[in-house]
Structure formats: structure tokens, C-alpha cells
C-alpha atoms as a PDB file:
ATOM      1  CA  MET A   1     119.410  71.858 131.776  1.00  0.00           C
ATOM      2  CA  ALA A   2     117.970  71.597 128.176  1.00  0.00           C
ATOM      3  CA  ALA A   3     120.039  71.976 125.187  1.00  0.00           C
ATOM      4  CA  PRO A   4     119.529  75.610 123.550  1.00  0.00           C
ATOM      5  CA  ARG A   5     117.136  75.361 120.350  1.00  0.00           C
ATOM      6  CA  ARG A   6     118.676  75.661 117.193  1.00  0.00           C
ATOM      7  CA  ALA A   7     118.047  78.881 115.237  1.00  0.00           C
ATOM      8  CA  GLY A   8     115.450  78.143 112.546  1.00  0.00           C
ATOM      9  CA  GLY A   9     114.304  74.890 114.160  1.00  0.00           C
ATOM     10  CA  TRP A  10     110.816  76.017 114.261  1.00  0.00           C
ATOM     11  CA  LEU A  11     110.935  76.255 110.522  1.00  0.00           C
ATOM     12  CA  VAL A  12     111.086  72.316 110.381  1.00  0.00           C
ATOM     13  CA  PRO A  13     107.466  71.346 111.585  1.00  0.00           C
ATOM     14  CA  MET A  14     105.873  74.490 109.673  1.00  0.00           C
ATOM     15  CA  LEU A  15     107.927  73.192 106.197  1.00  0.00           C
ATOM     16  CA  PRO A  16     105.225  71.010 105.008  1.00  0.00           C
ATOM     17  CA  ALA A  17     102.399  73.690 105.457  1.00  0.00           C
ATOM     18  CA  VAL A  18     104.762  76.302 103.674  1.00  0.00           C
ATOM     19  CA  LEU A  19     105.325  73.972 100.716  1.00  0.00           C
ATOM     20  CA  LEU A  20     101.593  73.449 100.404  1.00  0.00           C
ATOM     21  CA  LEU A  21     100.662  77.096 100.607  1.00  0.00           C
ATOM     22  CA  GLY A  22     103.406  77.954  97.875  1.00  0.00           C
ATOM     23  CA  LEU A  23     102.124  75.179  95.648  1.00  0.00           C
ATOM     24  CA  PHE A  24      98.140  75.779  95.831  1.00  0.00           C
ATOM     25  CA  VAL A  25      98.100  79.440  96.722  1.00  0.00           C
ATOM     26  CA  ILE A  26     101.128  81.396  95.645  1.00  0.00           C
ATOM     27  CA  GLY A  27     101.921  79.165  92.799  1.00  0.00           C
ATOM     28  CA  PRO A  28      98.698  79.843  90.800  1.00  0.00           C
ATOM     29  CA  ILE A  29      98.919  83.652  91.566  1.00  0.00           C
ATOM     30  CA  LEU A  30     102.294  83.912  90.228  1.00  0.00           C
ATOM     31  CA  TRP A  31     101.190  81.901  87.259  1.00  0.00           C
ATOM     32  CA  SER A  32      97.985  84.209  86.842  1.00  0.00           C
ATOM     33  CA  CYS A  33     100.312  87.450  86.946  1.00  0.00           C
ATOM     34  CA  TYR A  34     102.312  85.974  84.543  1.00  0.00           C
ATOM     35  CA  VAL A  35      99.621  84.706  82.149  1.00  0.00           C
ATOM     36  CA  ALA A  36      98.014  88.116  82.372  1.00  0.00           C
ATOM     37  CA  PHE A  37     100.803  89.623  80.507  1.00  0.00           C
ATOM     38  CA  THR A  38     100.733  87.070  77.525  1.00  0.00           C
ATOM     39  CA  ASN A  39      98.247  86.127  74.777  1.00  0.00           C
ATOM     40  CA  ALA A  40      97.913  82.636  76.175  1.00  0.00           C
ATOM     41  CA  ALA A  41      94.778  80.835  74.931  1.00  0.00           C
ATOM     42  CA  LEU A  42      93.225  77.255  74.980  1.00  0.00           C
ATOM     43  CA  THR A  43      93.674  77.036  71.206  1.00  0.00           C
ATOM     44  CA  GLY A  44      95.994  78.140  68.575  1.00  0.00           C
ATOM     45  CA  SER A  45      99.213  79.455  68.701  1.00  0.00           C
ATOM     46  CA  GLY A  46      98.256  81.029  71.881  1.00  0.00           C
ATOM     47  CA  ALA A  47      98.009  77.402  73.486  1.00  0.00           C
ATOM     48  CA  THR A  48     101.319  76.137  72.118  1.00  0.00           C
ATOM     49  CA  ASP A  49     103.357  79.362  72.115  1.00  0.00           C
ATOM     50  CA  PRO A  50     102.185  82.125  74.007  1.00  0.00           C
ATOM     51  CA  GLU A  51     103.926  85.523  73.332  1.00  0.00           C
ATOM     52  CA  PHE A  52     104.450  88.242  76.181  1.00  0.00           C
ATOM     53  CA  VAL A  53     102.335  91.227  75.223  1.00  0.00           C
ATOM     54  CA  GLY A  54     102.982  93.527  78.046  1.00  0.00           C
ATOM     55  CA  LEU A  55     100.329  95.667  79.295  1.00  0.00           C
ATOM     56  CA  GLU A  56      98.125  95.296  76.250  1.00  0.00           C
ATOM     57  CA  ASN A  57      95.524  92.949  78.178  1.00  0.00           C
ATOM     58  CA  PHE A  58      95.005  95.670  80.813  1.00  0.00           C
ATOM     59  CA  ARG A  59      94.966  98.450  78.234  1.00  0.00           C
ATOM     60  CA  ARG A  60      92.027  96.627  76.364  1.00  0.00           C
ATOM     61  CA  LEU A  61      90.629  95.699  79.697  1.00  0.00           C
ATOM     62  CA  PHE A  62      90.371  99.136  81.316  1.00  0.00           C
ATOM     63  CA  ALA A  63      88.669 100.391  77.861  1.00  0.00           C
ATOM     64  CA  ASP A  64      86.087  97.554  78.005  1.00  0.00           C
ATOM     65  CA  PRO A  65      82.665  98.565  79.174  1.00  0.00           C
ATOM     66  CA  ALA A  66      82.022  95.173  79.993  1.00  0.00           C
ATOM     67  CA  MET A  67      84.511  94.895  82.578  1.00  0.00           C
ATOM     68  CA  TRP A  68      83.350  98.139  84.412  1.00  0.00           C
ATOM     69  CA  ASN A  69      80.028  96.982  84.455  1.00  0.00           C
ATOM     70  CA  SER A  70      81.261  93.629  86.000  1.00  0.00           C
ATOM     71  CA  ALA A  71      83.290  95.392  88.414  1.00  0.00           C
ATOM     72  CA  TRP A  72      80.421  97.504  89.720  1.00  0.00           C
ATOM     73  CA  LEU A  73      77.988  94.426  89.624  1.00  0.00           C
ATOM     74  CA  THR A  74      80.662  92.784  92.030  1.00  0.00           C
ATOM     75  CA  VAL A  75      80.602  95.348  94.358  1.00  0.00           C
ATOM     76  CA  VAL A  76      76.803  95.696  94.397  1.00  0.00           C
ATOM     77  CA  PHE A  77      77.021  92.139  94.920  1.00  0.00           C
ATOM     78  CA  THR A  78      79.155  91.862  97.768  1.00  0.00           C
ATOM     79  CA  VAL A  79      77.889  94.900  99.691  1.00  0.00           C
ATOM     80  CA  GLY A  80      74.274  93.691  99.151  1.00  0.00           C
ATOM     81  CA  SER A  81      74.716  90.077 100.110  1.00  0.00           C
ATOM     82  CA  ALA A  82      77.614  90.142 102.568  1.00  0.00           C
ATOM     83  CA  VAL A  83      78.287  93.670 104.196  1.00  0.00           C
ATOM     84  CA  VAL A  84      74.341  94.176 104.497  1.00  0.00           C
ATOM     85  CA  GLY A  85      72.703  91.077 103.928  1.00  0.00           C
ATOM     86  CA  GLN A  86      74.629  88.168 105.772  1.00  0.00           C
ATOM     87  CA  ASN A  87      76.293  90.139 108.429  1.00  0.00           C
ATOM     88  CA  CYS A  88      72.786  92.371 109.480  1.00  0.00           C
ATOM     89  CA  LEU A  89      70.904  89.106 109.190  1.00  0.00           C
ATOM     90  CA  GLY A  90      73.280  86.990 111.106  1.00  0.00           C
ATOM     91  CA  LEU A  91      73.294  89.619 114.088  1.00  0.00           C
ATOM     92  CA  LEU A  92      69.919  90.041 113.963  1.00  0.00           C
ATOM     93  CA  ILE A  93      69.055  86.092 114.308  1.00  0.00           C
ATOM     94  CA  ALA A  94      71.906  86.018 117.000  1.00  0.00           C
ATOM     95  CA  LEU A  95      70.392  88.736 119.257  1.00  0.00           C
ATOM     96  CA  LEU A  96      66.803  87.448 118.982  1.00  0.00           C
ATOM     97  CA  THR A  97      68.004  84.102 120.089  1.00  0.00           C
ATOM     98  CA  ARG A  98      70.094  85.157 122.930  1.00  0.00           C
ATOM     99  CA  HIS A  99      68.196  84.622 125.521  1.00  0.00           C
ATOM    100  CA  ARG A 100      65.404  82.236 124.321  1.00  0.00           C
ATOM    101  CA  ASN A 101      65.078  78.762 125.278  1.00  0.00           C
ATOM    102  CA  ARG A 102      67.577  76.025 124.257  1.00  0.00           C
ATOM    103  CA  TRP A 103      64.975  74.333 122.123  1.00  0.00           C
ATOM    104  CA  LEU A 104      64.088  77.502 119.982  1.00  0.00           C
ATOM    105  CA  ARG A 105      67.900  78.312 119.537  1.00  0.00           C
ATOM    106  CA  ASP A 106      68.604  74.892 118.241  1.00  0.00           C
ATOM    107  CA  THR A 107      65.752  74.760 115.847  1.00  0.00           C
ATOM    108  CA  VAL A 108      66.570  78.207 114.562  1.00  0.00           C
ATOM    109  CA  GLY A 109      70.149  77.362 114.312  1.00  0.00           C
ATOM    110  CA  VAL A 110      69.782  74.090 112.328  1.00  0.00           C
ATOM    111  CA  VAL A 111      66.968  75.842 109.907  1.00  0.00           C
ATOM    112  CA  VAL A 112      69.776  78.436 109.148  1.00  0.00           C
ATOM    113  CA  VAL A 113      72.775  76.172 109.243  1.00  0.00           C
ATOM    114  CA  SER A 114      71.047  73.714 106.841  1.00  0.00           C
ATOM    115  CA  ALA A 115      71.474  76.081 103.923  1.00  0.00           C
ATOM    116  CA  TRP A 116      75.250  76.895 104.719  1.00  0.00           C
ATOM    117  CA  VAL A 117      75.941  73.167 104.699  1.00  0.00           C
ATOM    118  CA  LEU A 118      74.431  72.451 101.485  1.00  0.00           C
ATOM    119  CA  PRO A 119      76.955  72.074  98.629  1.00  0.00           C
ATOM    120  CA  GLU A 120      77.209  75.300  96.651  1.00  0.00           C
ATOM    121  CA  LEU A 121      75.503  73.758  93.521  1.00  0.00           C
ATOM    122  CA  VAL A 122      72.639  72.135  95.262  1.00  0.00           C
ATOM    123  CA  ALA A 123      71.732  75.244  97.199  1.00  0.00           C
ATOM    124  CA  ALA A 124      71.748  77.150  93.765  1.00  0.00           C
ATOM    125  CA  PHE A 125      69.177  74.573  92.290  1.00  0.00           C
ATOM    126  CA  ALA A 126      66.957  75.132  95.525  1.00  0.00           C
ATOM    127  CA  ILE A 127      67.005  78.597  94.951  1.00  0.00           C
ATOM    128  CA  TYR A 128      66.098  78.244  91.231  1.00  0.00           C
ATOM    129  CA  ALA A 129      63.433  75.967  92.058  1.00  0.00           C
ATOM    130  CA  PHE A 130      61.873  78.690  94.417  1.00  0.00           C
ATOM    131  CA  LEU A 131      62.395  81.409  92.143  1.00  0.00           C
ATOM    132  CA  ASN A 132      61.651  80.244  88.589  1.00  0.00           C
ATOM    133  CA  PRO A 133      58.083  80.666  86.823  1.00  0.00           C
ATOM    134  CA  GLU A 134      56.831  77.576  87.853  1.00  0.00           C
ATOM    135  CA  GLY A 135      58.501  77.664  91.256  1.00  0.00           C
ATOM    136  CA  THR A 136      57.283  77.600  94.845  1.00  0.00           C
ATOM    137  CA  LEU A 137      57.409  81.351  95.089  1.00  0.00           C
ATOM    138  CA  ASN A 138      54.810  81.738  91.912  1.00  0.00           C
ATOM    139  CA  GLY A 139      52.854  79.020  93.377  1.00  0.00           C
ATOM    140  CA  LEU A 140      52.289  80.843  96.985  1.00  0.00           C
ATOM    141  CA  PHE A 141      51.282  84.226  94.952  1.00  0.00           C
ATOM    142  CA  ALA A 142      49.070  82.208  92.451  1.00  0.00           C
ATOM    143  CA  ALA A 143      47.230  80.671  95.750  1.00  0.00           C
ATOM    144  CA  VAL A 144      46.542  84.200  97.204  1.00  0.00           C
ATOM    145  CA  GLY A 145      45.448  85.716  93.668  1.00  0.00           C
ATOM    146  CA  LEU A 146      48.816  87.624  93.109  1.00  0.00           C
ATOM    147  CA  GLY A 147      50.512  87.887  89.555  1.00  0.00           C
ATOM    148  CA  GLU A 148      53.180  85.718  88.432  1.00  0.00           C
ATOM    149  CA  GLN A 149      56.556  86.531  86.946  1.00  0.00           C
ATOM    150  CA  ASP A 150      60.112  85.489  86.338  1.00  0.00           C
ATOM    151  CA  TRP A 151      62.044  86.606  89.011  1.00  0.00           C
ATOM    152  CA  LEU A 152      65.183  85.695  87.501  1.00  0.00           C
ATOM    153  CA  PHE A 153      64.543  87.801  84.435  1.00  0.00           C
ATOM    154  CA  SER A 154      62.347  90.852  85.961  1.00  0.00           C
ATOM    155  CA  ALA A 155      64.915  91.218  89.237  1.00  0.00           C
ATOM    156  CA  PRO A 156      68.066  88.814  88.432  1.00  0.00           C
ATOM    157  CA  MET A 157      70.469  90.839  90.914  1.00  0.00           C
ATOM    158  CA  ILE A 158      67.913  90.936  93.858  1.00  0.00           C
ATOM    159  CA  ALA A 159      67.351  87.208  93.275  1.00  0.00           C
ATOM    160  CA  VAL A 160      71.161  86.133  93.292  1.00  0.00           C
ATOM    161  CA  VAL A 161      71.808  88.814  96.376  1.00  0.00           C
ATOM    162  CA  LEU A 162      69.005  87.148  98.411  1.00  0.00           C
ATOM    163  CA  GLY A 163      69.772  83.878  97.184  1.00  0.00           C
ATOM    164  CA  ASN A 164      73.416  84.407  98.554  1.00  0.00           C
ATOM    165  CA  VAL A 165      72.012  85.736 101.879  1.00  0.00           C
ATOM    166  CA  TRP A 166      69.971  82.563 102.346  1.00  0.00           C
ATOM    167  CA  ARG A 167      72.858  80.401 101.870  1.00  0.00           C
ATOM    168  CA  GLY A 168      75.651  82.261 103.637  1.00  0.00           C
ATOM    169  CA  THR A 169      73.945  83.872 106.958  1.00  0.00           C
ATOM    170  CA  ALA A 170      74.675  80.816 109.101  1.00  0.00           C
ATOM    171  CA  PHE A 171      78.208  81.822 108.934  1.00  0.00           C
ATOM    172  CA  SER A 172      77.748  85.313 110.447  1.00  0.00           C
ATOM    173  CA  MET A 173      75.045  83.716 112.990  1.00  0.00           C
ATOM    174  CA  LEU A 174      77.690  81.608 114.503  1.00  0.00           C
ATOM    175  CA  VAL A 175      80.238  83.978 114.682  1.00  0.00           C
ATOM    176  CA  TYR A 176      77.712  86.424 116.566  1.00  0.00           C
ATOM    177  CA  GLN A 177      76.433  83.963 118.509  1.00  0.00           C
ATOM    178  CA  ALA A 178      79.858  83.340 119.940  1.00  0.00           C
ATOM    179  CA  ALA A 179      80.551  87.023 120.404  1.00  0.00           C
ATOM    180  CA  LEU A 180      77.553  87.698 122.306  1.00  0.00           C
ATOM    181  CA  ALA A 181      78.133  85.054 124.864  1.00  0.00           C
ATOM    182  CA  GLU A 182      81.471  87.100 125.670  1.00  0.00           C
ATOM    183  CA  VAL A 183      79.373  90.320 126.651  1.00  0.00           C
ATOM    184  CA  PRO A 184      79.280  90.657 129.987  1.00  0.00           C
ATOM    185  CA  SER A 185      75.669  90.855 131.504  1.00  0.00           C
ATOM    186  CA  GLU A 186      76.531  93.169 134.207  1.00  0.00           C
ATOM    187  CA  LEU A 187      77.216  95.728 131.424  1.00  0.00           C
ATOM    188  CA  THR A 188      73.775  95.501 129.838  1.00  0.00           C
ATOM    189  CA  GLU A 189      71.721  95.329 133.043  1.00  0.00           C
ATOM    190  CA  ALA A 190      73.603  98.374 134.316  1.00  0.00           C
ATOM    191  CA  ALA A 191      72.524 100.316 130.979  1.00  0.00           C
ATOM    192  CA  GLN A 192      69.196  99.059 131.463  1.00  0.00           C
ATOM    193  CA  VAL A 193      69.077 100.286 134.859  1.00  0.00           C
ATOM    194  CA  ASP A 194      70.192 103.600 133.819  1.00  0.00           C
ATOM    195  CA  GLY A 195      67.153 103.790 131.378  1.00  0.00           C
ATOM    196  CA  ALA A 196      68.498 102.513 128.111  1.00  0.00           C
ATOM    197  CA  GLY A 197      66.187 100.972 125.774  1.00  0.00           C
ATOM    198  CA  ALA A 198      67.177  97.843 123.719  1.00  0.00           C
ATOM    199  CA  LEU A 199      68.269  99.785 120.781  1.00  0.00           C
ATOM    200  CA  GLY A 200      70.389 101.966 123.179  1.00  0.00           C
ATOM    201  CA  ARG A 201      71.960  98.823 124.983  1.00  0.00           C
ATOM    202  CA  LEU A 202      72.547  97.500 121.566  1.00  0.00           C
ATOM    203  CA  TRP A 203      74.282 100.631 120.204  1.00  0.00           C
ATOM    204  CA  HIS A 204      76.369 101.860 123.435  1.00  0.00           C
ATOM    205  CA  VAL A 205      77.182  98.544 125.048  1.00  0.00           C
ATOM    206  CA  THR A 206      76.901  95.466 123.095  1.00  0.00           C
ATOM    207  CA  LEU A 207      78.028  96.510 119.707  1.00  0.00           C
ATOM    208  CA  PRO A 208      81.294  98.222 121.039  1.00  0.00           C
ATOM    209  CA  VAL A 209      82.142  95.168 122.936  1.00  0.00           C
ATOM    210  CA  ILE A 210      81.878  92.831 120.024  1.00  0.00           C
ATOM    211  CA  ARG A 211      83.251  95.171 117.532  1.00  0.00           C
ATOM    212  CA  ARG A 212      86.375  93.322 116.567  1.00  0.00           C
ATOM    213  CA  SER A 213      84.201  90.236 115.926  1.00  0.00           C
ATOM    214  CA  VAL A 214      81.933  92.427 113.689  1.00  0.00           C
ATOM    215  CA  LEU A 215      85.093  93.818 111.791  1.00  0.00           C
ATOM    216  CA  THR A 216      86.649  90.216 111.519  1.00  0.00           C
ATOM    217  CA  ASN A 217      83.151  88.518 110.221  1.00  0.00           C
ATOM    218  CA  LEU A 218      82.980  91.527 107.772  1.00  0.00           C
ATOM    219  CA  MET A 219      86.529  90.734 106.125  1.00  0.00           C
ATOM    220  CA  LEU A 220      85.642  86.989 105.853  1.00  0.00           C
ATOM    221  CA  VAL A 221      82.346  87.086 104.457  1.00  0.00           C
ATOM    222  CA  THR A 222      83.394  89.963 102.183  1.00  0.00           C
ATOM    223  CA  LEU A 223      86.252  87.850 100.663  1.00  0.00           C
ATOM    224  CA  GLN A 224      84.340  84.903 100.376  1.00  0.00           C
ATOM    225  CA  THR A 225      81.407  86.489  98.476  1.00  0.00           C
ATOM    226  CA  ILE A 226      83.740  88.315  96.007  1.00  0.00           C
ATOM    227  CA  GLY A 227      84.374  85.050  94.518  1.00  0.00           C
ATOM    228  CA  VAL A 228      80.877  83.472  94.484  1.00  0.00           C
ATOM    229  CA  PHE A 229      80.825  81.872  90.993  1.00  0.00           C
ATOM    230  CA  THR A 230      78.460  78.469  90.995  1.00  0.00           C
ATOM    231  CA  LEU A 231      75.308  80.324  92.651  1.00  0.00           C
ATOM    232  CA  ILE A 232      75.419  83.217  90.025  1.00  0.00           C
ATOM    233  CA  TYR A 233      76.191  80.804  87.061  1.00  0.00           C
ATOM    234  CA  VAL A 234      73.244  77.963  88.075  1.00  0.00           C
ATOM    235  CA  LEU A 235      70.684  81.046  88.550  1.00  0.00           C
ATOM    236  CA  THR A 236      71.352  83.282  85.846  1.00  0.00           C
ATOM    237  CA  ALA A 237      74.483  82.395  84.047  1.00  0.00           C
ATOM    238  CA  GLY A 238      75.364  86.319  84.147  1.00  0.00           C
ATOM    239  CA  GLY A 239      72.007  87.102  82.694  1.00  0.00           C
ATOM    240  CA  PRO A 240      69.626  88.227  81.493  1.00  0.00           C
ATOM    241  CA  GLY A 241      72.030  90.156  79.160  1.00  0.00           C
ATOM    242  CA  ALA A 242      74.816  91.151  81.557  1.00  0.00           C
ATOM    243  CA  ALA A 243      72.668  92.141  84.416  1.00  0.00           C
ATOM    244  CA  THR A 244      74.500  89.814  87.167  1.00  0.00           C
ATOM    245  CA  GLN A 245      77.477  89.305  85.178  1.00  0.00           C
ATOM    246  CA  THR A 246      80.206  89.652  87.990  1.00  0.00           C
ATOM    247  CA  LEU A 247      83.914  89.534  87.644  1.00  0.00           C
ATOM    248  CA  PRO A 248      84.300  85.858  88.132  1.00  0.00           C
ATOM    249  CA  LEU A 249      81.759  85.008  85.637  1.00  0.00           C
ATOM    250  CA  LEU A 250      83.303  87.596  83.150  1.00  0.00           C
ATOM    251  CA  MET A 251      86.597  85.917  83.912  1.00  0.00           C
ATOM    252  CA  TYR A 252      85.167  82.312  83.240  1.00  0.00           C
ATOM    253  CA  ASP A 253      83.421  83.318  79.866  1.00  0.00           C
ATOM    254  CA  THR A 254      86.541  85.193  78.578  1.00  0.00           C
ATOM    255  CA  ALA A 255      88.944  82.262  79.648  1.00  0.00           C
ATOM    256  CA  PHE A 256      86.969  79.594  78.783  1.00  0.00           C
ATOM    257  CA  GLU A 257      84.319  80.461  76.444  1.00  0.00           C
ATOM    258  CA  LEU A 258      86.135  82.681  74.135  1.00  0.00           C
ATOM    259  CA  ASP A 259      89.614  80.780  74.949  1.00  0.00           C
ATOM    260  CA  GLU A 260      91.452  83.927  76.024  1.00  0.00           C
ATOM    261  CA  ILE A 261      93.404  82.846  78.945  1.00  0.00           C
ATOM    262  CA  GLY A 262      95.856  85.662  78.990  1.00  0.00           C
ATOM    263  CA  TYR A 263      92.931  88.265  79.228  1.00  0.00           C
ATOM    264  CA  GLY A 264      91.092  86.058  81.536  1.00  0.00           C
ATOM    265  CA  ALA A 265      94.152  86.252  83.899  1.00  0.00           C
ATOM    266  CA  ALA A 266      94.180  89.842  83.591  1.00  0.00           C
ATOM    267  CA  ILE A 267      90.326  90.029  84.967  1.00  0.00           C
ATOM    268  CA  SER A 268      91.413  87.619  87.735  1.00  0.00           C
ATOM    269  CA  LEU A 269      94.220  90.271  88.975  1.00  0.00           C
ATOM    270  CA  VAL A 270      91.408  92.804  89.024  1.00  0.00           C
ATOM    271  CA  LEU A 271      89.018  90.739  91.322  1.00  0.00           C
ATOM    272  CA  LEU A 272      92.244  90.132  93.473  1.00  0.00           C
ATOM    273  CA  ALA A 273      92.738  93.906  93.685  1.00  0.00           C
ATOM    274  CA  ILE A 274      89.349  94.486  94.817  1.00  0.00           C
ATOM    275  CA  GLY A 275      89.479  91.834  97.221  1.00  0.00           C
ATOM    276  CA  GLY A 276      92.587  93.166  98.537  1.00  0.00           C
ATOM    277  CA  LEU A 277      91.144  96.925  98.894  1.00  0.00           C
ATOM    278  CA  PHE A 278      88.298  95.592 101.039  1.00  0.00           C
ATOM    279  CA  ALA A 279      90.674  93.278 102.918  1.00  0.00           C
ATOM    280  CA  ALA A 280      93.076  96.470 103.639  1.00  0.00           C
ATOM    281  CA  VAL A 281      90.183  98.617 104.772  1.00  0.00           C
ATOM    282  CA  TYR A 282      89.209  95.815 107.376  1.00  0.00           C
ATOM    283  CA  ALA A 283      92.623  95.195 108.482  1.00  0.00           C
ATOM    284  CA  LYS A 284      93.424  98.833 108.857  1.00  0.00           C
ATOM    285  CA  THR A 285      90.285  99.416 110.720  1.00  0.00           C
ATOM    286  CA  LEU A 286      91.087  96.217 113.052  1.00  0.00           C
ATOM    287  CA  LYS A 287      94.383  97.751 113.851  1.00  0.00           C
ATOM    288  CA  GLU A 288      93.072 101.197 114.773  1.00  0.00           C
ATOM    289  CA  GLU A 289      90.756  98.950 117.569  1.00  0.00           C
ATOM    290  CA  VAL A 290      94.041  97.655 118.980  1.00  0.00           C
END
């Protein structure tokens, strides 16, 4: 007879993972929470001997119009490029290639995934080369006699949203391709026999079957998009003015350009709260689906 497992024996193989999680995830979060209540800085007395200032950083933060503007832009960028852009475009591509021949599916997959596997910095420079005044888009417009313009100046938020959609859609596409493969063909065939059109089959059959995959994908791409920094920084650096200064960029500028680490940490907690709010909504919806 096998000896009974010792109580807590399951913790032993998990201990390295728990330690790494605490060191690289929980530790920095707790440190940020502490620093947000101090006047820590990169230079001066705040660097050598930071003082506890209580809620002063947060009082200053919630009275700062720049924070509210950045919070709003973060929501616009996240909803536009993740909730609507990547999610809907990924689902559309997966649906359009679902019953196509393997050559076409593989070709589309390679084209879409190629943008996703690029390092974010490289992808950002590719988008910049496409949108800048001497870039490819203006070259195409000039070839057909249309006017040229500086897209990163005239429509900066649209530019960064579309850039992030281009780079991140592959993830949603792969999720939905896997989910659609699990939809029983008998259900869609029965709906077609009953007279349901393509949109009717999608709304009443396909989406209800893959709804958990939809919610899971929404949560993942949303949380990933909230923290996007490099792409926006390379394209616009938050400008022109503060037109694309999302919370990650405001946090960077405050902490490392203005040397106010404590105030920047307070901004990071606001960003964490926004991410937590999105995650809570999705988690509650997923729980209700069980």
C-alpha cells in the first residue's frame, strides 16, 4: 500500500515558482505601493532619504488635469485597439478563413502573425515608416493624386490605435481559430437548414458556443493593451502636446523625466486599478457563464 502523502507535500515542487512570483511580481507591486506614499526621487534628498508623505501624492494626482486626460486616453486606446480592434478583427479573420483551403489559411496566418512576432520596437518603427510625412502611406496617396499629411500629427490617437491593432490582432485570430474548430458542424448545418443566414448562424450558434473564449480573449488583450508603452512612445512620445499621453507614458515622464519616483508610483497604482477594474468585469462575466 502506498504511503499517504504528507500534508503540504504539494508545496515542495511549487516552491521555486512561488518564490519567483513573489520576487518579480508581488515584490515590485508592494514596493510601488510603499513608494507611492513617499517623496522618493532620482536626485536630491528624495533619492538618499525619502520621506513618508501620506496621501499627498494622491491628492495632487486627482487634482491634476493631466492625470484625468491620460486616464481617459488610456481607456480610449484600450477600447479602440483591444476591445474593438484586435478582438473584432481577429474574430473576422478567423471566420473568413475557417472553411478556406489550407494554402489560403496558412498564407493569411503568416501575414498576420508576422506583425505579432516582431519585437515591439521594430514594429513601432515599421508603423512610423508607414505613417510619417515621407512614408509609404503618403507615397501611395501621392501616386493617385491625393493630398499628403502628417498622420502622426493630424490624427495621432487613430494612428497609434491602428498601429496597435496591426501588431496585436494575431493573438485574437489564433484564439478564435482554435475556438471555432470546436464548434460542432451539426449545429451550424441545422441552423442553415432552418433558414438562418450567415449573420444569424454567427449570432445564435457560433458566438454562444465560443462565448467563454471571447471573454477570455477580451480579458487578455485588454490587460496587455493597457500597459502598452514602447509603440506609443516611438510613434508620438505622447504628443502632439498630450494627445496620446496614456498613463504609462505619463508615469514614465513623471518618474524618469521629472525625477519624481513617488508621484510616478502613485500613477502606476491608478493604472493598476484600471486594469483591475477591467479584469473584475471580465472575471464576473466569466463566472456567470459557468
